[in-house]
C-alpha cells in the first residue's frame, strides 16, 4: 500500500511532461491536466488514510508538484495568449522570491528540500489549479487568486523561521505538529 501514493506522484510527473507534447487548449490537455490534479489529491489522501506516509513520499510529492506547476506555468506563459499586466507580474515575482527564500531556509536550516503541506499551500494548489481552465476555457483572469499564494508563502516562511525542527505536514502557524513515521 505504501507504493500507491508514490506511483501516483510518479504518474503526475509523467503526465506533466506529456502536457508539453499536447496542444494547450485541447480537450486531451484538459483531461491530462485534471488527472494531474486528481493524482495530487489522491496520493496525499491515500498516504494519510492508510498510514502509508513516508519522508521519501512527501519529497516525491513536492517534486511532482514542482514539476507540474513549472510545466503549467511554462505552457501558460509561452503556449497560450495569457496576458500579464505589471501588477500581476509584480505579485508573481514577490511570491516566487518568497518561495525561493523558503526553499533556501529549508535547505540550510533543516538540511532538505521540501515544501510544507499546510492548509494554505493546499488552498494555493487548488487556486492555481483553477487559473488555467478559467483562463483558457472561459477567458477569465481570477486576480483574487493571487492573494492566496502570497499569504500561504508568507505563512510558510514564518513557520520555517520560528520552527526548531522541520515538519512537512504542519498544517498552519497555529496548527498542531504531526510527524512522519
C-alpha atoms as a PDB file:
ATOM      1  CA  UNK A   1       0.000   0.000   0.000  1.00  0.00           C
ATOM      2  CA  UNK A   2       2.949   2.351   0.641  1.00  0.00           C
ATOM      3  CA  UNK A   3       3.812   2.260  -3.069  1.00  0.00           C
ATOM      4  CA  UNK A   4       0.466   3.580  -4.349  1.00  0.00           C
ATOM      5  CA  UNK A   5       0.952   7.229  -3.277  1.00  0.00           C
ATOM      6  CA  UNK A   6       4.460   7.203  -4.753  1.00  0.00           C
ATOM      7  CA  UNK A   7       3.182   5.679  -8.001  1.00  0.00           C
ATOM      8  CA  UNK A   8       0.560   8.418  -8.196  1.00  0.00           C
ATOM      9  CA  UNK A   9       3.264  11.083  -7.720  1.00  0.00           C
ATOM     10  CA  UNK A  10       5.383   9.451 -10.439  1.00  0.00           C
ATOM     11  CA  UNK A  11       2.303   9.360 -12.682  1.00  0.00           C
ATOM     12  CA  UNK A  12       1.832  13.104 -12.105  1.00  0.00           C
ATOM     13  CA  UNK A  13       5.428  13.714 -13.174  1.00  0.00           C
ATOM     14  CA  UNK A  14       4.997  11.662 -16.356  1.00  0.00           C
ATOM     15  CA  UNK A  15       1.666  13.294 -17.220  1.00  0.00           C
ATOM     16  CA  UNK A  16       3.128  16.739 -16.590  1.00  0.00           C
ATOM     17  CA  UNK A  17       5.887  16.080 -19.103  1.00  0.00           C
ATOM     18  CA  UNK A  18       3.265  14.704 -21.517  1.00  0.00           C
ATOM     19  CA  UNK A  19       1.407  18.044 -21.323  1.00  0.00           C
ATOM     20  CA  UNK A  20       4.369  19.588 -23.176  1.00  0.00           C
ATOM     21  CA  UNK A  21       3.532  17.429 -26.203  1.00  0.00           C
ATOM     22  CA  UNK A  22      -0.177  18.286 -26.456  1.00  0.00           C
ATOM     23  CA  UNK A  23      -1.851  21.479 -27.731  1.00  0.00           C
ATOM     24  CA  UNK A  24      -2.583  23.685 -24.720  1.00  0.00           C
ATOM     25  CA  UNK A  25      -6.265  24.339 -25.422  1.00  0.00           C
ATOM     26  CA  UNK A  26      -7.233  20.817 -26.479  1.00  0.00           C
ATOM     27  CA  UNK A  27      -9.660  18.527 -24.705  1.00  0.00           C
ATOM     28  CA  UNK A  28      -6.909  15.933 -24.207  1.00  0.00           C
ATOM     29  CA  UNK A  29      -4.746  18.544 -22.489  1.00  0.00           C
ATOM     30  CA  UNK A  30      -7.581  19.427 -20.109  1.00  0.00           C
ATOM     31  CA  UNK A  31      -8.154  15.745 -19.296  1.00  0.00           C
ATOM     32  CA  UNK A  32      -4.457  15.214 -18.513  1.00  0.00           C
ATOM     33  CA  UNK A  33      -4.366  18.470 -16.541  1.00  0.00           C
ATOM     34  CA  UNK A  34      -7.385  17.378 -14.464  1.00  0.00           C
ATOM     35  CA  UNK A  35      -5.903  13.915 -13.969  1.00  0.00           C
ATOM     36  CA  UNK A  36      -2.708  15.524 -12.624  1.00  0.00           C
ATOM     37  CA  UNK A  37      -4.861  17.361 -10.091  1.00  0.00           C
ATOM     38  CA  UNK A  38      -6.637  14.157  -9.111  1.00  0.00           C
ATOM     39  CA  UNK A  39      -3.346  12.317  -8.582  1.00  0.00           C
ATOM     40  CA  UNK A  40      -2.199  15.157  -6.339  1.00  0.00           C
ATOM     41  CA  UNK A  41      -5.308  14.836  -4.195  1.00  0.00           C
ATOM     42  CA  UNK A  42      -5.291  11.039  -4.233  1.00  0.00           C
ATOM     43  CA  UNK A  43      -1.641  10.476  -3.298  1.00  0.00           C
ATOM     44  CA  UNK A  44      -1.912  12.540  -0.132  1.00  0.00           C
ATOM     45  CA  UNK A  45      -5.294  11.136   0.833  1.00  0.00           C
ATOM     46  CA  UNK A  46      -4.199   7.524   0.362  1.00  0.00           C
ATOM     47  CA  UNK A  47      -0.922   8.080   2.202  1.00  0.00           C
ATOM     48  CA  UNK A  48      -2.661   9.599   5.222  1.00  0.00           C
ATOM     49  CA  UNK A  49      -5.738   7.354   5.226  1.00  0.00           C
ATOM     50  CA  UNK A  50      -3.756   4.118   5.002  1.00  0.00           C
ATOM     51  CA  UNK A  51      -0.844   5.323   7.162  1.00  0.00           C
ATOM     52  CA  UNK A  52       1.483   4.998   4.191  1.00  0.00           C
ATOM     53  CA  UNK A  53       3.235   8.349   4.775  1.00  0.00           C
ATOM     54  CA  UNK A  54       6.987   8.353   4.314  1.00  0.00           C
ATOM     55  CA  UNK A  55       9.632  11.057   4.143  1.00  0.00           C
ATOM     56  CA  UNK A  56      10.510   9.868   0.626  1.00  0.00           C
ATOM     57  CA  UNK A  57       6.846  10.058  -0.405  1.00  0.00           C
ATOM     58  CA  UNK A  58       6.499  13.598   0.937  1.00  0.00           C
ATOM     59  CA  UNK A  59       9.584  14.681  -1.021  1.00  0.00           C
ATOM     60  CA  UNK A  60       8.401  12.887  -4.161  1.00  0.00           C
ATOM     61  CA  UNK A  61       5.026  14.620  -3.863  1.00  0.00           C
ATOM     62  CA  UNK A  62       6.746  18.003  -3.548  1.00  0.00           C
ATOM     63  CA  UNK A  63       8.906  17.208  -6.590  1.00  0.00           C
ATOM     64  CA  UNK A  64       5.847  16.148  -8.596  1.00  0.00           C
ATOM     65  CA  UNK A  65       4.074  19.368  -7.594  1.00  0.00           C
ATOM     66  CA  UNK A  66       7.101  21.453  -8.575  1.00  0.00           C
ATOM     67  CA  UNK A  67       7.366  19.772 -11.995  1.00  0.00           C
ATOM     68  CA  UNK A  68       3.627  20.025 -12.628  1.00  0.00           C
ATOM     69  CA  UNK A  69       3.472  23.716 -11.704  1.00  0.00           C
ATOM     70  CA  UNK A  70       6.672  24.567 -13.549  1.00  0.00           C
ATOM     71  CA  UNK A  71       5.372  22.978 -16.753  1.00  0.00           C
ATOM     72  CA  UNK A  72       1.920  24.510 -16.302  1.00  0.00           C
ATOM     73  CA  UNK A  73       3.405  27.987 -15.865  1.00  0.00           C
ATOM     74  CA  UNK A  74       5.661  27.469 -18.885  1.00  0.00           C
ATOM     75  CA  UNK A  75       2.677  26.436 -21.008  1.00  0.00           C
ATOM     76  CA  UNK A  76       0.559  29.300 -19.718  1.00  0.00           C
ATOM     77  CA  UNK A  77       3.270  31.868 -20.467  1.00  0.00           C
ATOM     78  CA  UNK A  78       4.648  30.582 -23.754  1.00  0.00           C
ATOM     79  CA  UNK A  79       1.966  28.450 -25.404  1.00  0.00           C
ATOM     80  CA  UNK A  80      -1.185  30.485 -24.752  1.00  0.00           C
ATOM     81  CA  UNK A  81      -2.182  34.110 -25.161  1.00  0.00           C
ATOM     82  CA  UNK A  82      -2.241  34.695 -21.403  1.00  0.00           C
ATOM     83  CA  UNK A  83      -1.724  38.402 -20.831  1.00  0.00           C
ATOM     84  CA  UNK A  84       0.138  39.620 -17.787  1.00  0.00           C
ATOM     85  CA  UNK A  85      -0.096  43.165 -16.550  1.00  0.00           C
ATOM     86  CA  UNK A  86       2.503  44.894 -14.365  1.00  0.00           C
ATOM     87  CA  UNK A  87       0.538  44.282 -11.154  1.00  0.00           C
ATOM     88  CA  UNK A  88       0.205  40.539 -11.824  1.00  0.00           C
ATOM     89  CA  UNK A  89       3.864  40.236 -12.806  1.00  0.00           C
ATOM     90  CA  UNK A  90       4.955  42.112  -9.661  1.00  0.00           C
ATOM     91  CA  UNK A  91       2.905  39.908  -7.336  1.00  0.00           C
ATOM     92  CA  UNK A  92       4.145  36.738  -9.084  1.00  0.00           C
ATOM     93  CA  UNK A  93       7.759  37.869  -8.684  1.00  0.00           C
ATOM     94  CA  UNK A  94       7.179  38.603  -4.990  1.00  0.00           C
ATOM     95  CA  UNK A  95       5.574  35.190  -4.456  1.00  0.00           C
ATOM     96  CA  UNK A  96       8.387  33.442  -6.353  1.00  0.00           C
ATOM     97  CA  UNK A  97      11.005  35.302  -4.287  1.00  0.00           C
ATOM     98  CA  UNK A  98       9.306  34.304  -1.022  1.00  0.00           C
ATOM     99  CA  UNK A  99       9.013  30.678  -2.189  1.00  0.00           C
ATOM    100  CA  UNK A 100      12.689  30.671  -3.172  1.00  0.00           C
ATOM    101  CA  UNK A 101      13.639  32.051   0.242  1.00  0.00           C
ATOM    102  CA  UNK A 102      11.506  29.328   1.857  1.00  0.00           C
ATOM    103  CA  UNK A 103      13.411  26.665  -0.103  1.00  0.00           C
ATOM    104  CA  UNK A 104      16.728  28.216   0.915  1.00  0.00           C
ATOM    105  CA  UNK A 105      15.676  28.397   4.568  1.00  0.00           C
ATOM    106  CA  UNK A 106      14.511  24.780   4.450  1.00  0.00           C
ATOM    107  CA  UNK A 107      17.777  23.681   2.866  1.00  0.00           C
ATOM    108  CA  UNK A 108      20.122  25.499   5.208  1.00  0.00           C
ATOM    109  CA  UNK A 109      18.183  25.304   8.445  1.00  0.00           C
ATOM    110  CA  UNK A 110      16.801  21.757   8.078  1.00  0.00           C
ATOM    111  CA  UNK A 111      19.202  20.218   5.504  1.00  0.00           C
ATOM    112  CA  UNK A 112      16.495  19.246   2.994  1.00  0.00           C
ATOM    113  CA  UNK A 113      14.474  20.486   0.046  1.00  0.00           C
ATOM    114  CA  UNK A 114      10.707  20.419   0.511  1.00  0.00           C
ATOM    115  CA  UNK A 115       7.518  22.429   0.704  1.00  0.00           C
ATOM    116  CA  UNK A 116       5.255  22.136   3.707  1.00  0.00           C
ATOM    117  CA  UNK A 117       1.794  20.653   3.319  1.00  0.00           C
ATOM    118  CA  UNK A 118      -0.004  23.492   5.111  1.00  0.00           C
ATOM    119  CA  UNK A 119      -3.672  24.280   4.594  1.00  0.00           C
ATOM    120  CA  UNK A 120      -2.554  27.482   2.883  1.00  0.00           C
ATOM    121  CA  UNK A 121      -0.350  25.587   0.428  1.00  0.00           C
ATOM    122  CA  UNK A 122      -3.182  23.142  -0.303  1.00  0.00           C
ATOM    123  CA  UNK A 123      -5.558  26.057  -0.901  1.00  0.00           C
ATOM    124  CA  UNK A 124      -2.886  27.638  -3.113  1.00  0.00           C
ATOM    125  CA  UNK A 125      -2.691  24.447  -5.129  1.00  0.00           C
ATOM    126  CA  UNK A 126      -6.448  24.475  -5.671  1.00  0.00           C
ATOM    127  CA  UNK A 127      -6.497  28.182  -6.569  1.00  0.00           C
ATOM    128  CA  UNK A 128      -3.601  27.842  -9.001  1.00  0.00           C
ATOM    129  CA  UNK A 129      -5.130  24.687 -10.430  1.00  0.00           C
ATOM    130  CA  UNK A 130      -8.259  26.669 -11.330  1.00  0.00           C
ATOM    131  CA  UNK A 131      -6.357  29.510 -13.044  1.00  0.00           C
ATOM    132  CA  UNK A 132      -5.519  27.510 -16.171  1.00  0.00           C
ATOM    133  CA  UNK A 133      -9.025  26.283 -17.033  1.00  0.00           C
ATOM    134  CA  UNK A 134     -10.593  29.635 -16.086  1.00  0.00           C
ATOM    135  CA  UNK A 135      -8.230  31.467 -18.433  1.00  0.00           C
ATOM    136  CA  UNK A 136      -8.045  29.038 -21.352  1.00  0.00           C
ATOM    137  CA  UNK A 137     -11.663  27.884 -21.466  1.00  0.00           C
ATOM    138  CA  UNK A 138     -13.544  30.893 -20.021  1.00  0.00           C
ATOM    139  CA  UNK A 139     -11.121  33.766 -20.758  1.00  0.00           C
ATOM    140  CA  UNK A 140     -11.189  34.858 -17.099  1.00  0.00           C
ATOM    141  CA  UNK A 141      -8.184  36.058 -15.135  1.00  0.00           C
ATOM    142  CA  UNK A 142      -9.053  35.422 -11.470  1.00  0.00           C
ATOM    143  CA  UNK A 143      -6.992  38.189  -9.872  1.00  0.00           C
ATOM    144  CA  UNK A 144      -8.317  37.330  -6.421  1.00  0.00           C
ATOM    145  CA  UNK A 145      -6.446  34.026  -6.629  1.00  0.00           C
ATOM    146  CA  UNK A 146      -3.019  35.670  -6.284  1.00  0.00           C
ATOM    147  CA  UNK A 147      -3.724  36.651  -2.670  1.00  0.00           C
ATOM    148  CA  UNK A 148      -3.936  33.003  -1.570  1.00  0.00           C
ATOM    149  CA  UNK A 149      -0.424  32.033  -2.818  1.00  0.00           C
ATOM    150  CA  UNK A 150       1.026  35.218  -1.350  1.00  0.00           C
ATOM    151  CA  UNK A 151      -0.442  34.589   2.105  1.00  0.00           C
ATOM    152  CA  UNK A 152       0.493  30.897   2.113  1.00  0.00           C
ATOM    153  CA  UNK A 153       4.094  31.653   1.057  1.00  0.00           C
ATOM    154  CA  UNK A 154       4.378  34.200   3.852  1.00  0.00           C
ATOM    155  CA  UNK A 155       2.861  31.759   6.372  1.00  0.00           C
ATOM    156  CA  UNK A 156       5.281  29.002   5.364  1.00  0.00           C
ATOM    157  CA  UNK A 157       8.198  31.421   5.693  1.00  0.00           C
ATOM    158  CA  UNK A 158       7.135  32.396   9.212  1.00  0.00           C
ATOM    159  CA  UNK A 159       6.708  28.739  10.192  1.00  0.00           C
ATOM    160  CA  UNK A 160      10.198  27.949   8.860  1.00  0.00           C
ATOM    161  CA  UNK A 161      11.773  30.860  10.692  1.00  0.00           C
ATOM    162  CA  UNK A 162      10.253  30.019  14.086  1.00  0.00           C
ATOM    163  CA  UNK A 163      10.372  26.202  13.885  1.00  0.00           C
ATOM    164  CA  UNK A 164      13.034  24.278  15.775  1.00  0.00           C
ATOM    165  CA  UNK A 165      12.513  21.148  13.646  1.00  0.00           C
ATOM    166  CA  UNK A 166      11.073  20.589  10.184  1.00  0.00           C
ATOM    167  CA  UNK A 167       7.581  19.116   9.891  1.00  0.00           C
ATOM    168  CA  UNK A 168       6.467  18.797   6.275  1.00  0.00           C
ATOM    169  CA  UNK A 169       2.899  18.129   7.475  1.00  0.00           C
ATOM    170  CA  UNK A 170       2.482  21.177   9.714  1.00  0.00           C
ATOM    171  CA  UNK A 171      -0.977  22.476   8.875  1.00  0.00           C
ATOM    172  CA  UNK A 172      -0.650  26.159   9.795  1.00  0.00           C
ATOM    173  CA  UNK A 173       1.108  28.608  12.078  1.00  0.00           C
ATOM    174  CA  UNK A 174      -1.423  27.704  14.781  1.00  0.00           C
ATOM    175  CA  UNK A 175      -1.758  24.033  13.761  1.00  0.00           C
ATOM    176  CA  UNK A 176      -0.671  21.078  15.792  1.00  0.00           C
ATOM    177  CA  UNK A 177       2.530  19.287  14.907  1.00  0.00           C
ATOM    178  CA  UNK A 178       2.392  15.958  13.072  1.00  0.00           C
ATOM    179  CA  UNK A 179       5.439  13.878  12.314  1.00  0.00           C
ATOM    180  CA  UNK A 180       6.044  11.257   9.651  1.00  0.00           C
ATOM    181  CA  UNK A 181       6.775   7.687  10.567  1.00  0.00           C
END
